[in-house]
C-alpha atoms as a PDB file:
ATOM      1  CA  UNK A   1       6.689 -11.174 -32.785  1.00  0.00           C
ATOM      2  CA  UNK A   2       9.490  -8.834 -32.368  1.00  0.00           C
ATOM      3  CA  UNK A   3       9.973  -7.610 -28.807  1.00  0.00           C
ATOM      4  CA  UNK A   4      10.516  -4.081 -30.078  1.00  0.00           C
ATOM      5  CA  UNK A   5      10.918  -0.564 -28.068  1.00  0.00           C
ATOM      6  CA  UNK A   6      10.444  -0.900 -24.145  1.00  0.00           C
ATOM      7  CA  UNK A   7       9.591   2.032 -21.893  1.00  0.00           C
ATOM      8  CA  UNK A   8       9.679   2.296 -18.272  1.00  0.00           C
ATOM      9  CA  UNK A   9       7.498   5.208 -17.068  1.00  0.00           C
ATOM     10  CA  UNK A  10       8.615   5.489 -13.829  1.00  0.00           C
ATOM     11  CA  UNK A  11      11.660   3.071 -12.646  1.00  0.00           C
ATOM     12  CA  UNK A  12      12.855   5.734  -9.763  1.00  0.00           C
ATOM     13  CA  UNK A  13       9.772   4.365  -7.476  1.00  0.00           C
ATOM     14  CA  UNK A  14      11.324   0.758  -7.528  1.00  0.00           C
ATOM     15  CA  UNK A  15      15.149   1.216  -7.918  1.00  0.00           C
ATOM     16  CA  UNK A  16      17.478   3.656  -5.832  1.00  0.00           C
ATOM     17  CA  UNK A  17      20.382   2.673  -8.004  1.00  0.00           C
ATOM     18  CA  UNK A  18      20.968  -0.555  -5.875  1.00  0.00           C
ATOM     19  CA  UNK A  19      18.921  -3.415  -8.526  1.00  0.00           C
ATOM     20  CA  UNK A  20      20.676  -5.435 -11.205  1.00  0.00           C
ATOM     21  CA  UNK A  21      18.769  -4.402 -14.596  1.00  0.00           C
ATOM     22  CA  UNK A  22      20.331  -6.951 -16.794  1.00  0.00           C
ATOM     23  CA  UNK A  23      17.047  -9.046 -17.306  1.00  0.00           C
ATOM     24  CA  UNK A  24      15.161  -6.465 -17.907  1.00  0.00           C
ATOM     25  CA  UNK A  25      17.455  -4.607 -20.500  1.00  0.00           C
ATOM     26  CA  UNK A  26      17.594  -8.166 -22.221  1.00  0.00           C
ATOM     27  CA  UNK A  27      13.253  -8.318 -22.471  1.00  0.00           C
ATOM     28  CA  UNK A  28      13.467  -5.759 -25.180  1.00  0.00           C
ATOM     29  CA  UNK A  29      15.356  -4.877 -28.233  1.00  0.00           C
ATOM     30  CA  UNK A  30      15.657  -1.224 -26.961  1.00  0.00           C
ATOM     31  CA  UNK A  31      14.840   0.585 -23.965  1.00  0.00           C
ATOM     32  CA  UNK A  32      13.783   4.290 -22.359  1.00  0.00           C
ATOM     33  CA  UNK A  33      14.036   4.175 -18.992  1.00  0.00           C
ATOM     34  CA  UNK A  34      12.666   6.951 -17.346  1.00  0.00           C
ATOM     35  CA  UNK A  35      12.788   7.733 -13.063  1.00  0.00           C
ATOM     36  CA  UNK A  36       9.659   9.481 -13.109  1.00  0.00           C
ATOM     37  CA  UNK A  37       7.338  10.485 -15.945  1.00  0.00           C
ATOM     38  CA  UNK A  38       4.884  13.632 -15.193  1.00  0.00           C
ATOM     39  CA  UNK A  39       1.225  12.912 -16.581  1.00  0.00           C
ATOM     40  CA  UNK A  40       1.685  15.526 -19.429  1.00  0.00           C
ATOM     41  CA  UNK A  41       4.329  13.224 -20.849  1.00  0.00           C
ATOM     42  CA  UNK A  42       3.028  10.508 -20.246  1.00  0.00           C
ATOM     43  CA  UNK A  43       1.349  10.441 -24.718  1.00  0.00           C
ATOM     44  CA  UNK A  44       5.055  11.560 -26.254  1.00  0.00           C
ATOM     45  CA  UNK A  45       6.884   8.713 -24.345  1.00  0.00           C
ATOM     46  CA  UNK A  46       4.401   5.807 -24.910  1.00  0.00           C
ATOM     47  CA  UNK A  47       3.592   6.433 -28.546  1.00  0.00           C
ATOM     48  CA  UNK A  48       5.722   4.221 -30.183  1.00  0.00           C
ATOM     49  CA  UNK A  49       6.324   1.526 -27.226  1.00  0.00           C
ATOM     50  CA  UNK A  50       5.262  -2.167 -27.774  1.00  0.00           C
ATOM     51  CA  UNK A  51       6.139  -2.536 -23.959  1.00  0.00           C
ATOM     52  CA  UNK A  52       5.419   0.107 -21.591  1.00  0.00           C
ATOM     53  CA  UNK A  53       6.392  -0.565 -17.877  1.00  0.00           C
ATOM     54  CA  UNK A  54       4.783   1.380 -15.011  1.00  0.00           C
ATOM     55  CA  UNK A  55       4.464   1.420 -11.228  1.00  0.00           C
ATOM     56  CA  UNK A  56       1.840   4.019 -10.391  1.00  0.00           C
ATOM     57  CA  UNK A  57       1.979   6.293 -13.772  1.00  0.00           C
ATOM     58  CA  UNK A  58      -1.676   6.494 -14.906  1.00  0.00           C
ATOM     59  CA  UNK A  59      -2.488   4.854 -18.041  1.00  0.00           C
ATOM     60  CA  UNK A  60      -5.990   5.950 -19.377  1.00  0.00           C
ATOM     61  CA  UNK A  61      -8.003   4.945 -22.677  1.00  0.00           C
ATOM     62  CA  UNK A  62      -7.094   8.217 -24.445  1.00  0.00           C
ATOM     63  CA  UNK A  63      -3.131   7.072 -23.822  1.00  0.00           C
ATOM     64  CA  UNK A  64      -3.681   3.498 -24.718  1.00  0.00           C
ATOM     65  CA  UNK A  65      -5.844   4.277 -27.795  1.00  0.00           C
ATOM     66  CA  UNK A  66      -2.885   6.758 -28.865  1.00  0.00           C
ATOM     67  CA  UNK A  67       0.148   4.273 -28.557  1.00  0.00           C
ATOM     68  CA  UNK A  68      -0.560   2.468 -31.634  1.00  0.00           C
ATOM     69  CA  UNK A  69       2.507   0.130 -31.419  1.00  0.00           C
ATOM     70  CA  UNK A  70       1.568  -0.838 -27.816  1.00  0.00           C
ATOM     71  CA  UNK A  71       1.127  -4.424 -27.111  1.00  0.00           C
ATOM     72  CA  UNK A  72       1.554  -5.521 -23.000  1.00  0.00           C
ATOM     73  CA  UNK A  73       1.221  -3.067 -20.499  1.00  0.00           C
ATOM     74  CA  UNK A  74       3.755  -4.477 -17.338  1.00  0.00           C
ATOM     75  CA  UNK A  75       2.401  -3.014 -14.288  1.00  0.00           C
ATOM     76  CA  UNK A  76       5.174  -3.489 -11.852  1.00  0.00           C
ATOM     77  CA  UNK A  77       3.254  -3.693  -8.495  1.00  0.00           C
ATOM     78  CA  UNK A  78       0.337  -6.089  -7.778  1.00  0.00           C
ATOM     79  CA  UNK A  79      -2.661  -3.725  -8.352  1.00  0.00           C
ATOM     80  CA  UNK A  80      -3.400  -2.578 -11.446  1.00  0.00           C
ATOM     81  CA  UNK A  81      -6.194   0.060 -10.785  1.00  0.00           C
ATOM     82  CA  UNK A  82      -3.531   2.877 -12.600  1.00  0.00           C
ATOM     83  CA  UNK A  83      -4.149   0.904 -15.789  1.00  0.00           C
ATOM     84  CA  UNK A  84      -7.385   1.038 -17.878  1.00  0.00           C
ATOM     85  CA  UNK A  85      -8.250  -2.808 -18.346  1.00  0.00           C
ATOM     86  CA  UNK A  86     -11.620  -2.316 -20.491  1.00  0.00           C
ATOM     87  CA  UNK A  87     -10.076   0.206 -22.914  1.00  0.00           C
ATOM     88  CA  UNK A  88      -6.704  -2.473 -22.808  1.00  0.00           C
ATOM     89  CA  UNK A  89      -8.506  -5.685 -23.676  1.00  0.00           C
ATOM     90  CA  UNK A  90     -10.788  -3.732 -26.501  1.00  0.00           C
ATOM     91  CA  UNK A  91      -7.590  -3.217 -28.118  1.00  0.00           C
ATOM     92  CA  UNK A  92      -6.238  -6.235 -27.530  1.00  0.00           C
ATOM     93  CA  UNK A  93      -3.095  -5.373 -25.113  1.00  0.00           C
ATOM     94  CA  UNK A  94      -2.373  -7.641 -22.334  1.00  0.00           C
ATOM     95  CA  UNK A  95      -1.755  -5.956 -19.218  1.00  0.00           C
ATOM     96  CA  UNK A  96       0.143  -8.084 -16.470  1.00  0.00           C
ATOM     97  CA  UNK A  97       1.394  -7.700 -13.185  1.00  0.00           C
ATOM     98  CA  UNK A  98       3.181  -9.054 -10.186  1.00  0.00           C
ATOM     99  CA  UNK A  99       1.608 -10.738  -7.109  1.00  0.00           C
ATOM    100  CA  UNK A 100       3.023 -11.891  -4.658  1.00  0.00           C
ATOM    101  CA  UNK A 101       6.840 -10.881  -5.035  1.00  0.00           C
ATOM    102  CA  UNK A 102       7.011  -8.422  -1.689  1.00  0.00           C
ATOM    103  CA  UNK A 103       5.028 -10.849   0.788  1.00  0.00           C
ATOM    104  CA  UNK A 104       7.978 -12.199   3.355  1.00  0.00           C
ATOM    105  CA  UNK A 105       9.263  -8.604   3.677  1.00  0.00           C
ATOM    106  CA  UNK A 106       4.916  -7.022   3.910  1.00  0.00           C
ATOM    107  CA  UNK A 107       4.670  -9.418   6.725  1.00  0.00           C
ATOM    108  CA  UNK A 108       7.847  -8.513   8.066  1.00  0.00           C
ATOM    109  CA  UNK A 109       6.964  -5.311   8.548  1.00  0.00           C
ATOM    110  CA  UNK A 110       3.566  -6.049  10.391  1.00  0.00           C
ATOM    111  CA  UNK A 111       5.110  -7.687  12.865  1.00  0.00           C
ATOM    112  CA  UNK A 112       8.091  -4.957  13.320  1.00  0.00           C
ATOM    113  CA  UNK A 113       4.494  -2.462  13.631  1.00  0.00           C
ATOM    114  CA  UNK A 114       2.873  -4.815  16.215  1.00  0.00           C
ATOM    115  CA  UNK A 115       5.587  -6.126  18.553  1.00  0.00           C
ATOM    116  CA  UNK A 116       6.931  -1.918  18.330  1.00  0.00           C
ATOM    117  CA  UNK A 117       3.670  -1.065  19.793  1.00  0.00           C
ATOM    118  CA  UNK A 118       3.618  -3.872  22.332  1.00  0.00           C
ATOM    119  CA  UNK A 119       7.349  -3.511  23.530  1.00  0.00           C
ATOM    120  CA  UNK A 120       6.789   0.384  23.592  1.00  0.00           C
ATOM    121  CA  UNK A 121       9.875   0.569  21.321  1.00  0.00           C
ATOM    122  CA  UNK A 122       9.133   3.971  20.603  1.00  0.00           C
ATOM    123  CA  UNK A 123       8.538   5.373  24.269  1.00  0.00           C
ATOM    124  CA  UNK A 124      11.669   3.195  25.162  1.00  0.00           C
ATOM    125  CA  UNK A 125      13.815   4.700  22.834  1.00  0.00           C
ATOM    126  CA  UNK A 126      12.330   8.371  23.341  1.00  0.00           C
ATOM    127  CA  UNK A 127      13.525   7.677  27.521  1.00  0.00           C
ATOM    128  CA  UNK A 128      17.013   6.382  26.767  1.00  0.00           C
ATOM    129  CA  UNK A 129      17.452   9.475  24.634  1.00  0.00           C
ATOM    130  CA  UNK A 130      16.385  11.784  27.407  1.00  0.00           C
ATOM    131  CA  UNK A 131      18.961  10.708  29.534  1.00  0.00           C
ATOM    132  CA  UNK A 132      15.648   8.820  32.004  1.00  0.00           C
ATOM    133  CA  UNK A 133      17.677   5.606  32.014  1.00  0.00           C
ATOM    134  CA  UNK A 134      20.685   7.189  32.970  1.00  0.00           C
ATOM    135  CA  UNK A 135      19.024   8.876  36.152  1.00  0.00           C
ATOM    136  CA  UNK A 136      17.414   5.390  36.949  1.00  0.00           C
ATOM    137  CA  UNK A 137      18.227   4.293  40.493  1.00  0.00           C
ATOM    138  CA  UNK A 138      18.074   0.731  39.340  1.00  0.00           C
ATOM    139  CA  UNK A 139      19.473  -1.237  36.557  1.00  0.00           C
ATOM    140  CA  UNK A 140      16.733  -1.029  34.437  1.00  0.00           C
ATOM    141  CA  UNK A 141      13.726   1.728  33.520  1.00  0.00           C
ATOM    142  CA  UNK A 142       9.876   0.463  33.794  1.00  0.00           C
ATOM    143  CA  UNK A 143       8.227   3.698  32.404  1.00  0.00           C
ATOM    144  CA  UNK A 144       7.004   1.697  29.912  1.00  0.00           C
ATOM    145  CA  UNK A 145       6.910  -1.851  30.359  1.00  0.00           C
ATOM    146  CA  UNK A 146       6.202  -4.103  27.480  1.00  0.00           C
ATOM    147  CA  UNK A 147       2.994  -6.128  26.859  1.00  0.00           C
ATOM    148  CA  UNK A 148       3.541  -9.643  25.209  1.00  0.00           C
ATOM    149  CA  UNK A 149       1.813 -10.485  22.080  1.00  0.00           C
ATOM    150  CA  UNK A 150       1.047 -14.446  22.802  1.00  0.00           C
ATOM    151  CA  UNK A 151      -2.206 -15.023  23.726  1.00  0.00           C
ATOM    152  CA  UNK A 152      -3.802 -11.762  22.084  1.00  0.00           C
ATOM    153  CA  UNK A 153      -6.194 -12.167  18.925  1.00  0.00           C
ATOM    154  CA  UNK A 154      -5.194 -11.297  15.551  1.00  0.00           C
ATOM    155  CA  UNK A 155      -8.100  -9.875  13.472  1.00  0.00           C
ATOM    156  CA  UNK A 156      -7.316 -10.227   9.881  1.00  0.00           C
ATOM    157  CA  UNK A 157      -9.682  -8.755   6.837  1.00  0.00           C
ATOM    158  CA  UNK A 158      -8.199 -10.639   3.339  1.00  0.00           C
ATOM    159  CA  UNK A 159      -6.840 -13.906   3.690  1.00  0.00           C
ATOM    160  CA  UNK A 160      -5.418 -14.031   0.586  1.00  0.00           C
ATOM    161  CA  UNK A 161      -1.526 -14.917   0.334  1.00  0.00           C
ATOM    162  CA  UNK A 162      -0.189 -11.908   2.635  1.00  0.00           C
ATOM    163  CA  UNK A 163      -3.771 -11.932   5.406  1.00  0.00           C
ATOM    164  CA  UNK A 164      -2.544 -16.002   5.242  1.00  0.00           C
ATOM    165  CA  UNK A 165       0.668 -15.582   5.534  1.00  0.00           C
ATOM    166  CA  UNK A 166       0.294 -12.916   8.384  1.00  0.00           C
ATOM    167  CA  UNK A 167      -1.678 -15.688  10.197  1.00  0.00           C
ATOM    168  CA  UNK A 168       0.944 -18.305   9.772  1.00  0.00           C
ATOM    169  CA  UNK A 169       3.547 -15.912  11.568  1.00  0.00           C
ATOM    170  CA  UNK A 170       0.753 -14.762  13.786  1.00  0.00           C
ATOM    171  CA  UNK A 171       0.050 -18.704  15.395  1.00  0.00           C
ATOM    172  CA  UNK A 172       3.703 -19.158  15.813  1.00  0.00           C
ATOM    173  CA  UNK A 173       3.838 -16.311  18.002  1.00  0.00           C
ATOM    174  CA  UNK A 174       0.784 -18.091  19.763  1.00  0.00           C
ATOM    175  CA  UNK A 175      -1.676 -15.472  18.623  1.00  0.00           C
ATOM    176  CA  UNK A 176      -5.147 -16.685  17.886  1.00  0.00           C
ATOM    177  CA  UNK A 177      -6.153 -15.723  14.485  1.00  0.00           C
ATOM    178  CA  UNK A 178      -9.621 -14.630  13.406  1.00  0.00           C
ATOM    179  CA  UNK A 179     -10.842 -13.910  10.085  1.00  0.00           C
ATOM    180  CA  UNK A 180     -13.321 -11.149   9.113  1.00  0.00           C
ATOM    181  CA  UNK A 181     -15.834 -11.371   6.170  1.00  0.00           C
ATOM    182  CA  UNK A 182     -15.377  -8.525   3.932  1.00  0.00           C
ATOM    183  CA  UNK A 183     -17.448  -6.957   1.952  1.00  0.00           C
ATOM    184  CA  UNK A 184     -17.791  -7.751  -1.275  1.00  0.00           C
ATOM    185  CA  UNK A 185     -16.409 -11.512  -0.523  1.00  0.00           C
ATOM    186  CA  UNK A 186     -17.771 -14.789  -0.280  1.00  0.00           C
ATOM    187  CA  UNK A 187     -19.193 -15.907   3.180  1.00  0.00           C
ATOM    188  CA  UNK A 188     -16.621 -18.923   3.644  1.00  0.00           C
ATOM    189  CA  UNK A 189     -16.862 -20.948   6.944  1.00  0.00           C
ATOM    190  CA  UNK A 190     -14.779 -19.807   9.830  1.00  0.00           C
ATOM    191  CA  UNK A 191     -15.413 -16.020   8.543  1.00  0.00           C
ATOM    192  CA  UNK A 192     -16.831 -13.540  11.013  1.00  0.00           C
ATOM    193  CA  UNK A 193     -19.077 -10.575  10.130  1.00  0.00           C
ATOM    194  CA  UNK A 194     -16.804  -7.421  10.306  1.00  0.00           C
ATOM    195  CA  UNK A 195     -18.431  -5.923  13.639  1.00  0.00           C
ATOM    196  CA  UNK A 196     -19.305  -9.346  15.093  1.00  0.00           C
ATOM    197  CA  UNK A 197     -15.158  -9.639  15.019  1.00  0.00           C
ATOM    198  CA  UNK A 198     -14.424  -6.353  15.976  1.00  0.00           C
ATOM    199  CA  UNK A 199     -14.681  -6.419  19.955  1.00  0.00           C
ATOM    200  CA  UNK A 200     -13.093  -9.962  19.928  1.00  0.00           C
ATOM    201  CA  UNK A 201      -9.801  -8.522  18.541  1.00  0.00           C
ATOM    202  CA  UNK A 202      -6.526  -7.095  19.828  1.00  0.00           C
ATOM    203  CA  UNK A 203      -4.620  -6.595  16.751  1.00  0.00           C
ATOM    204  CA  UNK A 204      -7.151  -5.686  13.721  1.00  0.00           C
ATOM    205  CA  UNK A 205      -4.778  -6.502  10.291  1.00  0.00           C
ATOM    206  CA  UNK A 206      -5.670  -4.972   6.384  1.00  0.00           C
ATOM    207  CA  UNK A 207      -4.735  -7.095   3.826  1.00  0.00           C
ATOM    208  CA  UNK A 208      -7.346  -6.887   1.346  1.00  0.00           C
ATOM    209  CA  UNK A 209      -7.524  -4.376  -2.040  1.00  0.00           C
ATOM    210  CA  UNK A 210      -9.244  -0.870  -2.292  1.00  0.00           C
ATOM    211  CA  UNK A 211     -13.096  -1.093  -3.857  1.00  0.00           C
ATOM    212  CA  UNK A 212     -15.736   0.520  -3.629  1.00  0.00           C
ATOM    213  CA  UNK A 213     -17.189  -1.434  -1.572  1.00  0.00           C
ATOM    214  CA  UNK A 214     -13.625  -1.415   0.846  1.00  0.00           C
ATOM    215  CA  UNK A 215     -13.457   1.892   0.602  1.00  0.00           C
ATOM    216  CA  UNK A 216     -13.342   3.612   4.499  1.00  0.00           C
ATOM    217  CA  UNK A 217     -13.869  -0.067   5.838  1.00  0.00           C
ATOM    218  CA  UNK A 218     -12.655   1.295   8.974  1.00  0.00           C
ATOM    219  CA  UNK A 219     -15.251   4.088   9.503  1.00  0.00           C
ATOM    220  CA  UNK A 220     -16.220   5.472  12.864  1.00  0.00           C
ATOM    221  CA  UNK A 221     -18.722   2.819  13.499  1.00  0.00           C
ATOM    222  CA  UNK A 222     -16.042  -0.231  12.994  1.00  0.00           C
ATOM    223  CA  UNK A 223     -14.032   1.741  15.414  1.00  0.00           C
ATOM    224  CA  UNK A 224     -16.136   2.383  18.133  1.00  0.00           C
ATOM    225  CA  UNK A 225     -16.572  -1.397  18.019  1.00  0.00           C
ATOM    226  CA  UNK A 226     -13.135  -2.145  18.855  1.00  0.00           C
ATOM    227  CA  UNK A 227     -11.373  -3.027  21.862  1.00  0.00           C
ATOM    228  CA  UNK A 228     -10.095   0.569  24.041  1.00  0.00           C
ATOM    229  CA  UNK A 229      -6.717  -0.869  23.914  1.00  0.00           C
ATOM    230  CA  UNK A 230      -6.936  -2.417  20.708  1.00  0.00           C
ATOM    231  CA  UNK A 231      -3.870  -1.869  17.676  1.00  0.00           C
ATOM    232  CA  UNK A 232      -5.204  -1.625  13.872  1.00  0.00           C
ATOM    233  CA  UNK A 233      -2.466  -2.164  11.214  1.00  0.00           C
ATOM    234  CA  UNK A 234      -2.673  -1.027   7.522  1.00  0.00           C
ATOM    235  CA  UNK A 235      -0.196  -2.627   5.049  1.00  0.00           C
ATOM    236  CA  UNK A 236      -2.280  -2.681   2.177  1.00  0.00           C
ATOM    237  CA  UNK A 237      -4.602   0.794   0.840  1.00  0.00           C
ATOM    238  CA  UNK A 238      -4.775   3.738   2.975  1.00  0.00           C
ATOM    239  CA  UNK A 239      -8.285   4.451   1.418  1.00  0.00           C
ATOM    240  CA  UNK A 240      -9.512   1.103   3.591  1.00  0.00           C
ATOM    241  CA  UNK A 241      -9.929   3.431   6.717  1.00  0.00           C
ATOM    242  CA  UNK A 242     -11.718   6.662   7.676  1.00  0.00           C
ATOM    243  CA  UNK A 243      -8.319   8.724   8.769  1.00  0.00           C
ATOM    244  CA  UNK A 244     -10.694  11.296  10.017  1.00  0.00           C
ATOM    245  CA  UNK A 245     -12.461   9.439  12.117  1.00  0.00           C
ATOM    246  CA  UNK A 246      -9.174   7.060  13.090  1.00  0.00           C
ATOM    247  CA  UNK A 247      -7.971  11.034  14.010  1.00  0.00           C
ATOM    248  CA  UNK A 248     -11.337  11.423  16.254  1.00  0.00           C
ATOM    249  CA  UNK A 249     -10.698   7.772  18.105  1.00  0.00           C
ATOM    250  CA  UNK A 250      -7.185   8.052  18.756  1.00  0.00           C
ATOM    251  CA  UNK A 251      -7.181  11.623  20.125  1.00  0.00           C
ATOM    252  CA  UNK A 252     -10.144  10.414  22.393  1.00  0.00           C
ATOM    253  CA  UNK A 253      -8.582   7.065  23.515  1.00  0.00           C
ATOM    254  CA  UNK A 254     -11.498   5.097  21.932  1.00  0.00           C
ATOM    255  CA  UNK A 255      -8.478   2.519  20.686  1.00  0.00           C
ATOM    256  CA  UNK A 256      -5.059   2.018  21.803  1.00  0.00           C
ATOM    257  CA  UNK A 257      -3.407   2.540  19.122  1.00  0.00           C
ATOM    258  CA  UNK A 258      -2.619   2.356  14.833  1.00  0.00           C
ATOM    259  CA  UNK A 259       0.519   1.133  12.854  1.00  0.00           C
ATOM    260  CA  UNK A 260      -0.124   2.452   9.164  1.00  0.00           C
ATOM    261  CA  UNK A 261       2.338   1.911   6.385  1.00  0.00           C
ATOM    262  CA  UNK A 262      -0.052   3.920   3.461  1.00  0.00           C
ATOM    263  CA  UNK A 263      -2.290   6.751   3.774  1.00  0.00           C
ATOM    264  CA  UNK A 264      -5.058   7.737   1.201  1.00  0.00           C
ATOM    265  CA  UNK A 265      -2.744  10.349  -0.973  1.00  0.00           C
ATOM    266  CA  UNK A 266       1.148   9.603  -1.309  1.00  0.00           C
ATOM    267  CA  UNK A 267       3.026  11.152  -1.186  1.00  0.00           C
ATOM    268  CA  UNK A 268       1.095  13.128   1.928  1.00  0.00           C
ATOM    269  CA  UNK A 269       0.406  16.819   1.919  1.00  0.00           C
ATOM    270  CA  UNK A 270       2.327  18.632   4.991  1.00  0.00           C
ATOM    271  CA  UNK A 271      -1.168  19.459   6.415  1.00  0.00           C
ATOM    272  CA  UNK A 272      -2.463  15.993   6.173  1.00  0.00           C
ATOM    273  CA  UNK A 273      -4.632  15.161   9.170  1.00  0.00           C
ATOM    274  CA  UNK A 274      -2.437  11.943  10.134  1.00  0.00           C
ATOM    275  CA  UNK A 275       0.772  13.971  10.290  1.00  0.00           C
ATOM    276  CA  UNK A 276      -0.568  16.557  13.115  1.00  0.00           C
ATOM    277  CA  UNK A 277       1.678  16.237  16.256  1.00  0.00           C
ATOM    278  CA  UNK A 278      -0.898  15.846  18.840  1.00  0.00           C
ATOM    279  CA  UNK A 279      -2.591  12.648  18.015  1.00  0.00           C
ATOM    280  CA  UNK A 280      -1.527   9.771  20.154  1.00  0.00           C
ATOM    281  CA  UNK A 281      -0.412   6.452  19.756  1.00  0.00           C
ATOM    282  CA  UNK A 282      -0.118   6.527  16.193  1.00  0.00           C
ATOM    283  CA  UNK A 283       3.161   4.984  13.886  1.00  0.00           C
ATOM    284  CA  UNK A 284       3.486   6.098  10.243  1.00  0.00           C
ATOM    285  CA  UNK A 285       5.810   4.337   8.215  1.00  0.00           C
ATOM    286  CA  UNK A 286       6.075   6.244   4.353  1.00  0.00           C
ATOM    287  CA  UNK A 287       4.809   2.658   2.287  1.00  0.00           C
ATOM    288  CA  UNK A 288       7.972   0.743   2.756  1.00  0.00           C
ATOM    289  CA  UNK A 289       6.734  -2.671   4.085  1.00  0.00           C
ATOM    290  CA  UNK A 290       6.986  -3.766   0.067  1.00  0.00           C
ATOM    291  CA  UNK A 291      10.534  -2.315  -0.525  1.00  0.00           C
ATOM    292  CA  UNK A 292      13.277  -4.658   0.787  1.00  0.00           C
ATOM    293  CA  UNK A 293      15.541  -4.774  -1.448  1.00  0.00           C
ATOM    294  CA  UNK A 294      15.149  -8.268  -2.580  1.00  0.00           C
ATOM    295  CA  UNK A 295      11.758  -7.984  -2.855  1.00  0.00           C
ATOM    296  CA  UNK A 296      12.617  -4.755  -5.216  1.00  0.00           C
ATOM    297  CA  UNK A 297      15.076  -7.133  -7.386  1.00  0.00           C
ATOM    298  CA  UNK A 298      11.908 -10.012  -7.640  1.00  0.00           C
ATOM    299  CA  UNK A 299       9.505  -7.421  -8.629  1.00  0.00           C
ATOM    300  CA  UNK A 300      11.705  -6.092 -11.589  1.00  0.00           C
ATOM    301  CA  UNK A 301      12.810  -9.913 -12.755  1.00  0.00           C
ATOM    302  CA  UNK A 302       9.263 -10.657 -12.651  1.00  0.00           C
ATOM    303  CA  UNK A 303       8.612  -7.839 -14.880  1.00  0.00           C
ATOM    304  CA  UNK A 304      10.971  -9.202 -17.166  1.00  0.00           C
ATOM    305  CA  UNK A 305       9.809 -12.621 -17.054  1.00  0.00           C
ATOM    306  CA  UNK A 306       6.367 -11.200 -17.857  1.00  0.00           C
ATOM    307  CA  UNK A 307       7.795  -9.144 -21.555  1.00  0.00           C
ATOM    308  CA  UNK A 308       9.959 -12.965 -22.052  1.00  0.00           C
ATOM    309  CA  UNK A 309       6.860 -14.868 -21.684  1.00  0.00           C
ATOM    310  CA  UNK A 310       4.163 -12.351 -23.860  1.00  0.00           C
ATOM    311  CA  UNK A 311       6.496 -12.842 -26.815  1.00  0.00           C
ATOM    312  CA  UNK A 312       7.857 -16.419 -26.578  1.00  0.00           C
ATOM    313  CA  UNK A 313       3.717 -17.404 -26.141  1.00  0.00           C
ATOM    314  CA  UNK A 314       3.442 -15.074 -29.617  1.00  0.00           C
ATOM    315  CA  UNK A 315       6.105 -16.796 -31.110  1.00  0.00           C
ATOM    316  CA  UNK A 316       4.712 -19.782 -31.019  1.00  0.00           C
ATOM    317  CA  UNK A 317       1.075 -18.509 -31.934  1.00  0.00           C
ATOM    318  CA  UNK A 318       2.438 -17.649 -35.015  1.00  0.00           C
END
C-alpha cells in the first residue's frame, strides 16, 4: 500500500520548533502539518488523508466515516479516548498510539512535586525573595524546615509502567510503597482496597486511566480517609479527582497538600475553582510532566515508526 498523504492536526501541541521532523516527513509521501485544528476544520483537512495524526483533536464517527481514503489514525499520545475506536474498527481503519514514551519525564516530575512539597521549596524561595534570609540573625533561616521522605509511605493507584517506575524510585529514596486495588482493576495479591490504603499513606500518587469507574475516584469520602498531613499527587488525568471536594479539603486542612499537573478542563478557564488564590498548600503545573524535549522527540519518532510499520505490514501482506 502506498503511504500516500498524511495530515498532522495539532503539531504545536508537541513541537515548539525544537524537534527534528525528518523521520516523520519520510513516513508519508506528502504531509500537511497543521499547528492546530479547530473542530470546524477537521473534516476538510482529513478528507483526502490516508494517515491522520492527532494528539488531542477529536475524531468521532462522522469524521472518520467521511474520510474515504483514511487507513491509519496515529494518536500522538498514550490515551486514545479522543478517537471513536468502534467506528474505526468497523471501517477497518487501524488506530495506533504510543505507550511509554514519557515514563522518565513523568517520574521525574512526580518526584519534583513530592520533594518540592517536603522541602518546602516554594515557601523557602518566597522567604528569600522577601528578604527574610538577609535579615536573619544567623547563617540559616529555619522558618520553613524540610521533612524527609525516607521512612514515609507512598500509595500508588495504577501500577502500570508509570506507577511501577514511580514505585522503584520511591524505594530508592527509602519510602515504603503500598498499591491500591483500583475500581475496574483485578484483585492481585498485595493490592489493598482503596479505602483501606488511604489512611496508611503519606503520599498518594495517581497513575490510572480515566474511565467511568475511575472518574472522581478521589472524592469527599476518600479525602476524609487520608492523613491530615498527606500529599495528593496527580499526573494522570484531572477527572480522577473531585476538584470541588479537593478545594474544600485543602481550605479545611483535611489533608496536608496537593500537587497536580492535570485538571479536568485544560486549559483551565481563569475562574477554574482550583486557580483560586485562597487555596493553601496547592501546587499546580500546566500538564507538562510528559513534555521534556527528549520525551517529545521519542513520541514523534514513535509516531513515524508506527506509520512505517503499518505500511510495511500492508506491503508484506499483499
